[in-house]
Amino acid sequence: MATPKPETLAAFEAAKGFMPVGEGLALYEAAVAAAALGLPLLEVGTYCGRSTLLLADAAREAGVPALTVDHHRGSEEQQPGWEYHDPTVVDPEVGLMDTLPTFRRTLHAAGLEEHVIALVGRSPQVASVWGGPLGLVFIDGGHTDEHATGDYEGWAPHLAPGGTLVIHDVFPDPADGGQAPYRIYLRALASGAFEETSVTDSLRVLRRTGSGI
């Protein structure tokens, strides 16, 4: 089993974010396998860079870039008054969430800045101008149907044959969490274009085996 460098794992555990270590290790293993295609690894939903560190470590080892897409204004559940709101990442000058400075500090502290390309913008807009194939697409952005579907429809078509699709926060039971990631996971399986390769808690790893989404 591929594992990140100890210093990367320590940085992951210290970073702001919500991904448990077990899911992080599964993401890293998937990223290492995907990086063997020699294509970029892309994440949707940067937040403060916790999972980005793992993709960057895998990308560094394979000599490919890691890309991460986020508008850095926080997803719906991170706004004031919601469960996952963190007032320390609010820009006091404009009064809005801004996780970009924290993300940059996270990468810098881990020594991984040069291995990550941060794409700052709305996921569907960035996807619409993206032209190249990807070895991995990790969907961990907004959890509404609109956002999850937009991430899937925007980025899954760019996944190369044999590439890896990873979806986070997949909860079959509505009591455990929102259903939008689960619905795009079911859609990917139903498309006939993907087969599941691993399940670790709420993290699902699939491989592209056919065309379409």
N, C-alpha and C. Protein backbone atom coordinates (compact mmCIF):
# COMPACT_ATOMS: atom_id res chain seq x y z
N MET A 1 0.84 -1.20 0.00
CA MET A 1 0.00 0.00 0.00
C MET A 1 0.87 1.24 0.00
N ALA A 2 0.61 2.15 -0.93
CA ALA A 2 1.37 3.40 -1.00
C ALA A 2 0.98 4.30 0.17
N THR A 3 1.98 4.92 0.77
CA THR A 3 1.71 5.84 1.88
C THR A 3 2.49 7.13 1.66
N PRO A 4 1.93 8.26 2.08
CA PRO A 4 2.63 9.54 1.92
C PRO A 4 3.84 9.63 2.84
N LYS A 5 4.71 10.56 2.52
CA LYS A 5 5.86 10.80 3.39
C LYS A 5 5.36 11.19 4.79
N PRO A 6 6.07 10.79 5.83
CA PRO A 6 5.62 11.10 7.19
C PRO A 6 5.37 12.59 7.42
N GLU A 7 6.22 13.43 6.84
CA GLU A 7 6.03 14.87 7.03
C GLU A 7 4.77 15.37 6.32
N THR A 8 4.43 14.73 5.19
CA THR A 8 3.21 15.12 4.50
C THR A 8 1.99 14.68 5.30
N LEU A 9 2.02 13.49 5.84
CA LEU A 9 0.91 13.01 6.66
C LEU A 9 0.74 13.87 7.90
N ALA A 10 1.86 14.28 8.50
CA ALA A 10 1.77 15.16 9.67
C ALA A 10 1.16 16.51 9.29
N ALA A 11 1.55 17.04 8.13
CA ALA A 11 0.98 18.30 7.67
C ALA A 11 -0.52 18.15 7.39
N PHE A 12 -0.90 17.02 6.81
CA PHE A 12 -2.32 16.72 6.55
C PHE A 12 -3.11 16.73 7.85
N GLU A 13 -2.59 16.06 8.86
CA GLU A 13 -3.31 15.98 10.13
C GLU A 13 -3.40 17.33 10.82
N ALA A 14 -2.42 18.19 10.57
CA ALA A 14 -2.41 19.51 11.22
C ALA A 14 -3.25 20.54 10.48
N ALA A 15 -3.56 20.29 9.23
CA ALA A 15 -4.25 21.28 8.40
C ALA A 15 -5.73 21.37 8.73
N LYS A 16 -6.32 22.54 8.50
CA LYS A 16 -7.76 22.68 8.62
C LYS A 16 -8.44 21.81 7.57
N GLY A 17 -9.56 21.23 7.94
CA GLY A 17 -10.29 20.41 6.98
C GLY A 17 -11.06 19.32 7.69
N PHE A 18 -11.71 18.47 6.88
CA PHE A 18 -12.68 17.54 7.45
C PHE A 18 -12.40 16.08 7.10
N MET A 19 -11.41 15.81 6.27
CA MET A 19 -11.17 14.43 5.84
C MET A 19 -10.42 13.64 6.92
N PRO A 20 -10.98 12.51 7.37
CA PRO A 20 -10.27 11.67 8.33
C PRO A 20 -9.03 11.04 7.70
N VAL A 21 -8.12 10.59 8.56
CA VAL A 21 -6.86 10.03 8.09
C VAL A 21 -7.09 8.80 7.21
N GLY A 22 -8.00 7.92 7.62
CA GLY A 22 -8.24 6.71 6.83
C GLY A 22 -8.65 7.00 5.41
N GLU A 23 -9.55 7.96 5.25
CA GLU A 23 -9.96 8.36 3.90
C GLU A 23 -8.82 9.04 3.16
N GLY A 24 -8.01 9.81 3.89
CA GLY A 24 -6.87 10.46 3.27
C GLY A 24 -5.87 9.46 2.72
N LEU A 25 -5.62 8.40 3.46
CA LEU A 25 -4.69 7.37 3.00
C LEU A 25 -5.24 6.66 1.77
N ALA A 26 -6.55 6.45 1.74
CA ALA A 26 -7.17 5.82 0.56
C ALA A 26 -7.08 6.75 -0.65
N LEU A 27 -7.27 8.04 -0.41
CA LEU A 27 -7.14 9.02 -1.50
C LEU A 27 -5.70 9.02 -2.02
N TYR A 28 -4.74 8.98 -1.12
CA TYR A 28 -3.34 8.99 -1.55
C TYR A 28 -3.02 7.76 -2.39
N GLU A 29 -3.48 6.60 -1.95
CA GLU A 29 -3.21 5.37 -2.69
C GLU A 29 -3.82 5.46 -4.10
N ALA A 30 -5.04 6.01 -4.19
CA ALA A 30 -5.68 6.17 -5.50
C ALA A 30 -4.90 7.16 -6.36
N ALA A 31 -4.38 8.22 -5.73
CA ALA A 31 -3.64 9.23 -6.48
C ALA A 31 -2.33 8.67 -7.02
N VAL A 32 -1.65 7.87 -6.23
CA VAL A 32 -0.39 7.26 -6.68
C VAL A 32 -0.65 6.36 -7.90
N ALA A 33 -1.70 5.55 -7.83
CA ALA A 33 -2.03 4.67 -8.95
C ALA A 33 -2.40 5.48 -10.19
N ALA A 34 -3.18 6.56 -9.99
CA ALA A 34 -3.60 7.38 -11.12
C ALA A 34 -2.43 8.12 -11.74
N ALA A 35 -1.49 8.56 -10.90
CA ALA A 35 -0.35 9.34 -11.40
C ALA A 35 0.52 8.53 -12.35
N ALA A 36 0.41 7.21 -12.31
CA ALA A 36 1.19 6.35 -13.21
C ALA A 36 0.80 6.58 -14.67
N LEU A 37 -0.36 7.19 -14.91
CA LEU A 37 -0.75 7.51 -16.29
C LEU A 37 0.05 8.68 -16.86
N GLY A 38 0.74 9.40 -15.97
CA GLY A 38 1.54 10.53 -16.43
C GLY A 38 0.72 11.77 -16.74
N LEU A 39 -0.47 11.85 -16.17
CA LEU A 39 -1.38 12.97 -16.42
C LEU A 39 -1.65 13.72 -15.12
N PRO A 40 -2.12 14.97 -15.21
CA PRO A 40 -2.39 15.74 -13.99
C PRO A 40 -3.46 15.10 -13.11
N LEU A 41 -3.34 15.39 -11.82
CA LEU A 41 -4.33 14.99 -10.82
C LEU A 41 -5.12 16.24 -10.44
N LEU A 42 -6.44 16.16 -10.47
CA LEU A 42 -7.25 17.36 -10.21
C LEU A 42 -8.25 17.12 -9.09
N GLU A 43 -8.31 18.12 -8.21
CA GLU A 43 -9.23 18.11 -7.08
C GLU A 43 -10.24 19.25 -7.25
N VAL A 44 -11.51 18.97 -6.97
CA VAL A 44 -12.52 20.01 -6.91
C VAL A 44 -12.91 20.20 -5.45
N GLY A 45 -12.64 21.39 -4.93
CA GLY A 45 -12.92 21.67 -3.53
C GLY A 45 -11.66 21.69 -2.70
N THR A 46 -10.95 22.81 -2.74
CA THR A 46 -9.67 22.94 -2.07
C THR A 46 -9.81 23.16 -0.57
N TYR A 47 -10.74 24.05 -0.20
CA TYR A 47 -10.89 24.56 1.16
C TYR A 47 -9.52 25.08 1.63
N CYS A 48 -8.95 24.51 2.67
CA CYS A 48 -7.67 25.01 3.19
C CYS A 48 -6.49 24.12 2.82
N GLY A 49 -6.71 23.14 1.93
CA GLY A 49 -5.59 22.39 1.39
C GLY A 49 -5.26 21.09 2.08
N ARG A 50 -6.11 20.62 2.98
CA ARG A 50 -5.80 19.38 3.71
C ARG A 50 -5.59 18.21 2.74
N SER A 51 -6.57 17.91 1.91
CA SER A 51 -6.42 16.79 0.97
C SER A 51 -5.48 17.12 -0.19
N THR A 52 -5.34 18.41 -0.49
CA THR A 52 -4.43 18.82 -1.57
C THR A 52 -3.01 18.35 -1.27
N LEU A 53 -2.63 18.37 0.00
CA LEU A 53 -1.28 17.94 0.38
C LEU A 53 -1.00 16.52 -0.08
N LEU A 54 -2.00 15.65 0.03
CA LEU A 54 -1.81 14.25 -0.35
C LEU A 54 -1.68 14.10 -1.85
N LEU A 55 -2.51 14.84 -2.59
CA LEU A 55 -2.40 14.81 -4.06
C LEU A 55 -1.05 15.37 -4.50
N ALA A 56 -0.60 16.42 -3.83
CA ALA A 56 0.68 17.03 -4.19
C ALA A 56 1.84 16.08 -3.93
N ASP A 57 1.78 15.35 -2.83
CA ASP A 57 2.84 14.38 -2.52
C ASP A 57 2.89 13.30 -3.60
N ALA A 58 1.72 12.78 -3.98
CA ALA A 58 1.67 11.75 -5.03
C ALA A 58 2.13 12.31 -6.37
N ALA A 59 1.72 13.54 -6.66
CA ALA A 59 2.09 14.17 -7.93
C ALA A 59 3.59 14.42 -8.00
N ARG A 60 4.17 14.85 -6.89
CA ARG A 60 5.61 15.11 -6.83
C ARG A 60 6.40 13.84 -7.14
N GLU A 61 5.98 12.73 -6.56
CA GLU A 61 6.69 11.48 -6.76
C GLU A 61 6.64 11.02 -8.22
N ALA A 62 5.51 11.34 -8.90
CA ALA A 62 5.33 10.87 -10.28
C ALA A 62 5.78 11.91 -11.32
N GLY A 63 6.10 13.12 -10.86
CA GLY A 63 6.51 14.16 -11.79
C GLY A 63 5.36 14.73 -12.61
N VAL A 64 4.15 14.72 -12.04
CA VAL A 64 2.99 15.32 -12.71
C VAL A 64 2.47 16.44 -11.83
N PRO A 65 1.67 17.36 -12.39
CA PRO A 65 1.12 18.43 -11.57
C PRO A 65 -0.14 18.01 -10.82
N ALA A 66 -0.36 18.62 -9.67
CA ALA A 66 -1.63 18.50 -8.96
C ALA A 66 -2.36 19.83 -9.12
N LEU A 67 -3.61 19.76 -9.50
CA LEU A 67 -4.42 20.96 -9.69
C LEU A 67 -5.58 20.94 -8.69
N THR A 68 -5.94 22.10 -8.19
CA THR A 68 -7.05 22.15 -7.25
C THR A 68 -7.91 23.36 -7.55
N VAL A 69 -9.22 23.15 -7.61
CA VAL A 69 -10.17 24.15 -8.06
C VAL A 69 -11.07 24.57 -6.90
N ASP A 70 -11.17 25.87 -6.66
CA ASP A 70 -12.06 26.37 -5.61
C ASP A 70 -12.21 27.88 -5.79
N HIS A 71 -13.40 28.39 -5.48
CA HIS A 71 -13.57 29.86 -5.47
C HIS A 71 -13.13 30.46 -4.15
N HIS A 72 -12.91 29.62 -3.15
CA HIS A 72 -12.39 30.01 -1.84
C HIS A 72 -13.32 30.93 -1.05
N ARG A 73 -14.59 30.96 -1.42
CA ARG A 73 -15.58 31.71 -0.65
C ARG A 73 -16.42 30.79 0.25
N GLY A 74 -16.05 29.53 0.28
CA GLY A 74 -16.74 28.59 1.16
C GLY A 74 -17.99 28.01 0.54
N SER A 75 -18.22 26.72 0.76
CA SER A 75 -19.45 26.09 0.26
C SER A 75 -20.61 26.45 1.19
N GLU A 76 -21.79 25.98 0.81
CA GLU A 76 -23.01 26.44 1.50
C GLU A 76 -22.99 26.15 3.00
N GLU A 77 -22.42 25.01 3.41
CA GLU A 77 -22.46 24.66 4.83
C GLU A 77 -21.38 25.36 5.64
N GLN A 78 -20.54 26.17 4.97
CA GLN A 78 -19.46 26.87 5.67
C GLN A 78 -19.77 28.36 5.87
N GLN A 79 -20.97 28.78 5.54
CA GLN A 79 -21.34 30.17 5.68
C GLN A 79 -21.77 30.47 7.12
N PRO A 80 -21.76 31.75 7.52
CA PRO A 80 -22.15 32.10 8.89
C PRO A 80 -23.51 31.51 9.27
N GLY A 81 -23.56 30.94 10.48
CA GLY A 81 -24.78 30.35 10.97
C GLY A 81 -24.91 28.87 10.70
N TRP A 82 -23.98 28.31 9.89
CA TRP A 82 -24.04 26.89 9.55
C TRP A 82 -22.99 26.11 10.35
N GLU A 83 -23.16 24.81 10.36
CA GLU A 83 -22.39 23.92 11.23
C GLU A 83 -20.89 24.02 11.01
N TYR A 84 -20.46 24.15 9.75
CA TYR A 84 -19.02 24.08 9.46
C TYR A 84 -18.39 25.45 9.26
N HIS A 85 -19.07 26.49 9.73
CA HIS A 85 -18.51 27.85 9.58
C HIS A 85 -17.29 28.01 10.50
N ASP A 86 -16.23 28.60 9.95
CA ASP A 86 -15.01 28.88 10.71
C ASP A 86 -14.71 30.37 10.58
N PRO A 87 -14.99 31.15 11.61
CA PRO A 87 -14.80 32.61 11.50
C PRO A 87 -13.35 33.03 11.30
N THR A 88 -12.39 32.12 11.54
CA THR A 88 -10.99 32.51 11.36
C THR A 88 -10.60 32.59 9.89
N VAL A 89 -11.45 32.09 8.99
CA VAL A 89 -11.14 32.19 7.56
C VAL A 89 -12.11 33.14 6.85
N VAL A 90 -12.61 34.12 7.59
CA VAL A 90 -13.41 35.20 7.00
C VAL A 90 -12.50 36.39 6.77
N ASP A 91 -12.57 36.99 5.59
CA ASP A 91 -11.81 38.20 5.29
C ASP A 91 -12.53 39.37 5.95
N PRO A 92 -11.91 40.01 6.97
CA PRO A 92 -12.61 41.08 7.69
C PRO A 92 -12.89 42.30 6.83
N GLU A 93 -12.11 42.48 5.78
CA GLU A 93 -12.30 43.67 4.94
C GLU A 93 -13.55 43.57 4.07
N VAL A 94 -13.84 42.37 3.56
CA VAL A 94 -15.01 42.22 2.70
C VAL A 94 -16.13 41.45 3.37
N GLY A 95 -15.85 40.83 4.52
CA GLY A 95 -16.88 40.14 5.26
C GLY A 95 -17.29 38.80 4.67
N LEU A 96 -16.47 38.24 3.80
CA LEU A 96 -16.78 36.97 3.16
C LEU A 96 -15.71 35.94 3.50
N MET A 97 -16.08 34.66 3.38
CA MET A 97 -15.10 33.60 3.53
C MET A 97 -13.97 33.78 2.51
N ASP A 98 -12.75 33.52 2.93
CA ASP A 98 -11.62 33.51 2.01
C ASP A 98 -10.59 32.52 2.54
N THR A 99 -10.65 31.31 2.01
CA THR A 99 -9.74 30.26 2.47
C THR A 99 -8.42 30.24 1.70
N LEU A 100 -8.28 31.08 0.70
CA LEU A 100 -7.08 31.05 -0.13
C LEU A 100 -5.80 31.34 0.66
N PRO A 101 -5.75 32.37 1.53
CA PRO A 101 -4.51 32.59 2.28
C PRO A 101 -4.14 31.41 3.16
N THR A 102 -5.12 30.79 3.82
CA THR A 102 -4.84 29.63 4.67
C THR A 102 -4.33 28.47 3.83
N PHE A 103 -4.95 28.26 2.67
CA PHE A 103 -4.49 27.21 1.76
C PHE A 103 -3.04 27.42 1.36
N ARG A 104 -2.69 28.65 1.02
CA ARG A 104 -1.31 28.92 0.60
C ARG A 104 -0.33 28.68 1.74
N ARG A 105 -0.71 29.05 2.94
CA ARG A 105 0.16 28.80 4.09
C ARG A 105 0.31 27.30 4.34
N THR A 106 -0.78 26.55 4.15
CA THR A 106 -0.73 25.09 4.33
C THR A 106 0.27 24.47 3.37
N LEU A 107 0.21 24.85 2.10
CA LEU A 107 1.14 24.32 1.11
C LEU A 107 2.58 24.72 1.41
N HIS A 108 2.75 25.98 1.76
CA HIS A 108 4.11 26.49 2.03
C HIS A 108 4.74 25.75 3.20
N ALA A 109 3.99 25.57 4.27
CA ALA A 109 4.52 24.90 5.46
C ALA A 109 4.94 23.47 5.16
N ALA A 110 4.25 22.84 4.20
CA ALA A 110 4.57 21.46 3.85
C ALA A 110 5.62 21.35 2.75
N GLY A 111 6.07 22.48 2.22
CA GLY A 111 7.08 22.46 1.17
C GLY A 111 6.56 21.93 -0.15
N LEU A 112 5.27 22.11 -0.42
CA LEU A 112 4.66 21.53 -1.62
C LEU A 112 4.10 22.56 -2.59
N GLU A 113 4.40 23.83 -2.36
CA GLU A 113 3.83 24.88 -3.22
C GLU A 113 4.12 24.67 -4.70
N GLU A 114 5.35 24.30 -5.02
CA GLU A 114 5.73 24.22 -6.44
C GLU A 114 5.12 23.04 -7.16
N HIS A 115 4.45 22.15 -6.43
CA HIS A 115 3.85 20.97 -7.06
C HIS A 115 2.34 21.09 -7.25
N VAL A 116 1.79 22.27 -6.92
CA VAL A 116 0.34 22.47 -6.99
C VAL A 116 0.03 23.71 -7.83
N ILE A 117 -0.96 23.57 -8.71
CA ILE A 117 -1.49 24.70 -9.45
C ILE A 117 -2.89 24.98 -8.90
N ALA A 118 -3.05 26.15 -8.29
CA ALA A 118 -4.34 26.53 -7.73
C ALA A 118 -5.16 27.25 -8.80
N LEU A 119 -6.33 26.72 -9.08
CA LEU A 119 -7.25 27.33 -10.04
C LEU A 119 -8.37 27.98 -9.23
N VAL A 120 -8.36 29.31 -9.19
CA VAL A 120 -9.31 30.04 -8.34
C VAL A 120 -10.50 30.49 -9.19
N GLY A 121 -11.64 29.86 -8.95
CA GLY A 121 -12.84 30.19 -9.70
C GLY A 121 -13.91 29.15 -9.46
N ARG A 122 -15.06 29.36 -10.05
CA ARG A 122 -16.17 28.42 -9.94
C ARG A 122 -15.87 27.19 -10.79
N SER A 123 -16.11 26.03 -10.22
CA SER A 123 -15.74 24.77 -10.88
C SER A 123 -16.29 24.64 -12.31
N PRO A 124 -17.59 24.89 -12.57
CA PRO A 124 -18.07 24.73 -13.95
C PRO A 124 -17.41 25.69 -14.94
N GLN A 125 -17.09 26.90 -14.47
CA GLN A 125 -16.44 27.87 -15.36
C GLN A 125 -15.02 27.43 -15.70
N VAL A 126 -14.29 26.92 -14.71
CA VAL A 126 -12.94 26.45 -14.97
C VAL A 126 -12.98 25.22 -15.87
N ALA A 127 -13.91 24.31 -15.60
CA ALA A 127 -14.02 23.10 -16.41
C ALA A 127 -14.33 23.42 -17.86
N SER A 128 -15.11 24.47 -18.09
CA SER A 128 -15.53 24.81 -19.45
C SER A 128 -14.36 25.27 -20.32
N VAL A 129 -13.27 25.72 -19.70
CA VAL A 129 -12.12 26.17 -20.48
C VAL A 129 -10.94 25.21 -20.36
N TRP A 130 -11.14 24.10 -19.65
CA TRP A 130 -10.08 23.12 -19.51
C TRP A 130 -10.06 22.22 -20.73
N GLY A 131 -8.87 21.96 -21.29
CA GLY A 131 -8.83 21.21 -22.54
C GLY A 131 -8.12 19.88 -22.52
N GLY A 132 -7.38 19.58 -21.46
CA GLY A 132 -6.53 18.40 -21.49
C GLY A 132 -7.09 17.22 -20.73
N PRO A 133 -6.52 16.02 -20.96
CA PRO A 133 -6.95 14.83 -20.21
C PRO A 133 -6.38 14.85 -18.79
N LEU A 134 -7.08 14.17 -17.90
CA LEU A 134 -6.69 14.10 -16.50
C LEU A 134 -6.56 12.65 -16.06
N GLY A 135 -5.61 12.40 -15.18
CA GLY A 135 -5.44 11.05 -14.66
C GLY A 135 -6.33 10.77 -13.46
N LEU A 136 -6.70 11.82 -12.74
CA LEU A 136 -7.55 11.68 -11.56
C LEU A 136 -8.43 12.90 -11.42
N VAL A 137 -9.70 12.68 -11.09
CA VAL A 137 -10.63 13.75 -10.72
C VAL A 137 -11.18 13.39 -9.35
N PHE A 138 -10.94 14.25 -8.38
CA PHE A 138 -11.41 14.06 -7.01
C PHE A 138 -12.48 15.11 -6.74
N ILE A 139 -13.72 14.67 -6.57
CA ILE A 139 -14.84 15.59 -6.37
C ILE A 139 -15.15 15.71 -4.89
N ASP A 140 -14.92 16.92 -4.35
CA ASP A 140 -15.13 17.19 -2.93
C ASP A 140 -15.51 18.65 -2.75
N GLY A 141 -16.39 19.12 -3.63
CA GLY A 141 -16.79 20.52 -3.59
C GLY A 141 -18.12 20.71 -2.88
N GLY A 142 -18.98 21.58 -3.43
CA GLY A 142 -20.27 21.83 -2.83
C GLY A 142 -21.15 20.59 -2.82
N HIS A 143 -21.99 20.49 -1.80
CA HIS A 143 -22.75 19.26 -1.58
C HIS A 143 -24.23 19.40 -1.93
N THR A 144 -24.60 20.45 -2.66
CA THR A 144 -25.95 20.51 -3.20
C THR A 144 -25.97 19.71 -4.51
N ASP A 145 -27.17 19.35 -4.96
CA ASP A 145 -27.26 18.64 -6.24
C ASP A 145 -26.72 19.50 -7.37
N GLU A 146 -26.99 20.79 -7.33
CA GLU A 146 -26.49 21.69 -8.38
C GLU A 146 -24.98 21.65 -8.46
N HIS A 147 -24.33 21.77 -7.32
CA HIS A 147 -22.87 21.85 -7.33
C HIS A 147 -22.22 20.50 -7.61
N ALA A 148 -22.71 19.45 -6.96
CA ALA A 148 -22.13 18.12 -7.19
C ALA A 148 -22.31 17.69 -8.64
N THR A 149 -23.50 17.93 -9.19
CA THR A 149 -23.74 17.57 -10.59
C THR A 149 -22.88 18.40 -11.52
N GLY A 150 -22.74 19.69 -11.21
CA GLY A 150 -21.90 20.55 -12.04
C GLY A 150 -20.45 20.10 -12.03
N ASP A 151 -19.96 19.67 -10.86
CA ASP A 151 -18.58 19.18 -10.77
C ASP A 151 -18.41 17.89 -11.59
N TYR A 152 -19.37 17.00 -11.47
CA TYR A 152 -19.29 15.73 -12.19
C TYR A 152 -19.38 15.94 -13.70
N GLU A 153 -20.38 16.71 -14.12
CA GLU A 153 -20.57 16.93 -15.56
C GLU A 153 -19.45 17.78 -16.16
N GLY A 154 -18.83 18.64 -15.34
CA GLY A 154 -17.76 19.49 -15.84
C GLY A 154 -16.43 18.77 -15.98
N TRP A 155 -16.13 17.89 -15.01
CA TRP A 155 -14.79 17.31 -14.96
C TRP A 155 -14.68 15.85 -15.37
N ALA A 156 -15.70 15.04 -15.13
CA ALA A 156 -15.60 13.63 -15.50
C ALA A 156 -15.32 13.41 -16.98
N PRO A 157 -15.86 14.24 -17.90
CA PRO A 157 -15.54 14.03 -19.31
C PRO A 157 -14.05 14.17 -19.65
N HIS A 158 -13.30 14.86 -18.80
CA HIS A 158 -11.87 15.06 -19.05
C HIS A 158 -11.02 13.89 -18.54
N LEU A 159 -11.64 12.94 -17.86
CA LEU A 159 -10.89 11.84 -17.28
C LEU A 159 -10.47 10.86 -18.37
N ALA A 160 -9.18 10.59 -18.44
CA ALA A 160 -8.62 9.72 -19.48
C ALA A 160 -9.06 8.27 -19.29
N PRO A 161 -9.02 7.46 -20.35
CA PRO A 161 -9.27 6.02 -20.19
C PRO A 161 -8.33 5.43 -19.14
N GLY A 162 -8.89 4.67 -18.22
CA GLY A 162 -8.10 4.12 -17.13
C GLY A 162 -7.89 5.08 -15.99
N GLY A 163 -8.39 6.32 -16.13
CA GLY A 163 -8.25 7.32 -15.09
C GLY A 163 -9.14 7.03 -13.89
N THR A 164 -8.89 7.76 -12.82
CA THR A 164 -9.53 7.49 -11.53
C THR A 164 -10.48 8.62 -11.15
N LEU A 165 -11.70 8.25 -10.80
CA LEU A 165 -12.70 9.18 -10.28
C LEU A 165 -12.87 8.89 -8.80
N VAL A 166 -12.66 9.91 -7.97
CA VAL A 166 -12.83 9.75 -6.53
C VAL A 166 -13.92 10.72 -6.08
N ILE A 167 -14.86 10.22 -5.30
CA ILE A 167 -15.95 11.05 -4.79
C ILE A 167 -15.97 10.96 -3.27
N HIS A 168 -15.98 12.11 -2.61
CA HIS A 168 -15.97 12.15 -1.15
C HIS A 168 -17.37 12.44 -0.62
N ASP A 169 -17.59 12.05 0.63
CA ASP A 169 -18.86 12.28 1.34
C ASP A 169 -20.03 11.57 0.66
N VAL A 170 -19.80 10.31 0.31
CA VAL A 170 -20.86 9.46 -0.25
C VAL A 170 -21.54 8.74 0.91
N PHE A 171 -22.80 9.12 1.16
CA PHE A 171 -23.55 8.54 2.27
C PHE A 171 -24.84 7.91 1.76
N PRO A 172 -24.88 6.59 1.64
CA PRO A 172 -26.12 5.93 1.21
C PRO A 172 -27.29 6.20 2.14
N ASP A 173 -27.02 6.36 3.45
CA ASP A 173 -28.08 6.63 4.42
C ASP A 173 -28.20 8.14 4.62
N PRO A 174 -29.37 8.73 4.33
CA PRO A 174 -29.53 10.17 4.50
C PRO A 174 -29.27 10.66 5.92
N ALA A 175 -29.38 9.76 6.89
CA ALA A 175 -29.12 10.15 8.28
C ALA A 175 -27.66 10.49 8.51
N ASP A 176 -26.78 10.01 7.62
CA ASP A 176 -25.34 10.22 7.79
C ASP A 176 -24.84 11.49 7.12
N GLY A 177 -25.56 11.98 6.13
CA GLY A 177 -25.09 13.18 5.42
C GLY A 177 -25.90 13.43 4.16
N GLY A 178 -25.56 14.53 3.49
CA GLY A 178 -26.25 14.92 2.28
C GLY A 178 -26.14 13.88 1.17
N GLN A 179 -27.10 13.89 0.29
CA GLN A 179 -27.22 12.84 -0.71
C GLN A 179 -26.65 13.18 -2.08
N ALA A 180 -26.29 14.43 -2.33
CA ALA A 180 -25.84 14.82 -3.67
C ALA A 180 -24.59 14.04 -4.12
N PRO A 181 -23.54 13.90 -3.29
CA PRO A 181 -22.40 13.08 -3.73
C PRO A 181 -22.79 11.63 -3.99
N TYR A 182 -23.70 11.10 -3.18
CA TYR A 182 -24.16 9.72 -3.39
C TYR A 182 -24.87 9.59 -4.74
N ARG A 183 -25.63 10.61 -5.12
CA ARG A 183 -26.36 10.53 -6.38
C ARG A 183 -25.41 10.58 -7.58
N ILE A 184 -24.34 11.38 -7.51
CA ILE A 184 -23.42 11.38 -8.65
C ILE A 184 -22.60 10.09 -8.69
N TYR A 185 -22.35 9.51 -7.52
CA TYR A 185 -21.69 8.20 -7.46
C TYR A 185 -22.55 7.14 -8.14
N LEU A 186 -23.84 7.11 -7.83
CA LEU A 186 -24.74 6.16 -8.47
C LEU A 186 -24.82 6.41 -9.98
N ARG A 187 -24.83 7.69 -10.35
CA ARG A 187 -24.88 8.02 -11.78
C ARG A 187 -23.65 7.49 -12.50
N ALA A 188 -22.48 7.66 -11.88
CA ALA A 188 -21.23 7.19 -12.51
C ALA A 188 -21.28 5.68 -12.71
N LEU A 189 -21.75 4.95 -11.71
CA LEU A 189 -21.83 3.49 -11.85
C LEU A 189 -22.86 3.09 -12.90
N ALA A 190 -23.99 3.80 -12.91
CA ALA A 190 -25.05 3.46 -13.86
C ALA A 190 -24.67 3.78 -15.30
N SER A 191 -23.70 4.68 -15.48
CA SER A 191 -23.31 5.09 -16.83
C SER A 191 -22.64 3.96 -17.60
N GLY A 192 -22.11 2.99 -16.88
CA GLY A 192 -21.35 1.92 -17.52
C GLY A 192 -19.94 2.33 -17.89
N ALA A 193 -19.57 3.58 -17.56
CA ALA A 193 -18.25 4.09 -17.90
C ALA A 193 -17.25 3.93 -16.76
N PHE A 194 -17.72 3.51 -15.59
CA PHE A 194 -16.86 3.42 -14.42
C PHE A 194 -17.13 2.13 -13.66
N GLU A 195 -16.06 1.61 -13.04
CA GLU A 195 -16.21 0.49 -12.11
C GLU A 195 -15.59 0.88 -10.79
N GLU A 196 -16.21 0.45 -9.71
CA GLU A 196 -15.70 0.79 -8.39
C GLU A 196 -14.49 -0.07 -8.05
N THR A 197 -13.46 0.57 -7.50
CA THR A 197 -12.26 -0.17 -7.13
C THR A 197 -12.00 -0.20 -5.63
N SER A 198 -12.54 0.78 -4.88
CA SER A 198 -12.37 0.71 -3.42
C SER A 198 -13.39 1.60 -2.73
N VAL A 199 -13.69 1.21 -1.48
CA VAL A 199 -14.59 1.96 -0.61
C VAL A 199 -13.90 2.12 0.73
N THR A 200 -13.75 3.36 1.20
CA THR A 200 -13.20 3.62 2.53
C THR A 200 -14.10 4.64 3.21
N ASP A 201 -14.93 4.17 4.10
CA ASP A 201 -15.90 5.04 4.77
C ASP A 201 -16.71 5.80 3.71
N SER A 202 -16.62 7.14 3.65
CA SER A 202 -17.44 7.88 2.68
C SER A 202 -16.70 8.15 1.38
N LEU A 203 -15.51 7.58 1.20
CA LEU A 203 -14.71 7.82 0.00
C LEU A 203 -14.89 6.66 -0.98
N ARG A 204 -15.26 7.00 -2.21
CA ARG A 204 -15.45 6.00 -3.27
C ARG A 204 -14.44 6.24 -4.38
N VAL A 205 -13.77 5.17 -4.79
CA VAL A 205 -12.78 5.24 -5.86
C VAL A 205 -13.28 4.41 -7.03
N LEU A 206 -13.33 5.02 -8.21
CA LEU A 206 -13.79 4.33 -9.42
C LEU A 206 -12.77 4.52 -10.52
N ARG A 207 -12.75 3.60 -11.47
CA ARG A 207 -11.85 3.68 -12.62
C ARG A 207 -12.66 3.79 -13.89
N ARG A 208 -12.20 4.67 -14.79
CA ARG A 208 -12.89 4.78 -16.08
C ARG A 208 -12.58 3.55 -16.92
N THR A 209 -13.67 2.88 -17.34
CA THR A 209 -13.53 1.67 -18.14
C THR A 209 -14.22 1.80 -19.49
N GLY A 210 -14.91 2.93 -19.70
CA GLY A 210 -15.61 3.16 -20.96
C GLY A 210 -15.80 4.64 -21.17
N SER A 211 -16.43 5.00 -22.25
CA SER A 211 -16.65 6.42 -22.56
C SER A 211 -17.95 6.89 -21.95
N GLY A 212 -18.07 8.20 -21.83
CA GLY A 212 -19.30 8.81 -21.34
C GLY A 212 -19.28 9.08 -19.86
N ILE A 213 -20.39 9.66 -19.38
CA ILE A 213 -20.56 9.93 -17.95
C ILE A 213 -21.97 9.54 -17.51
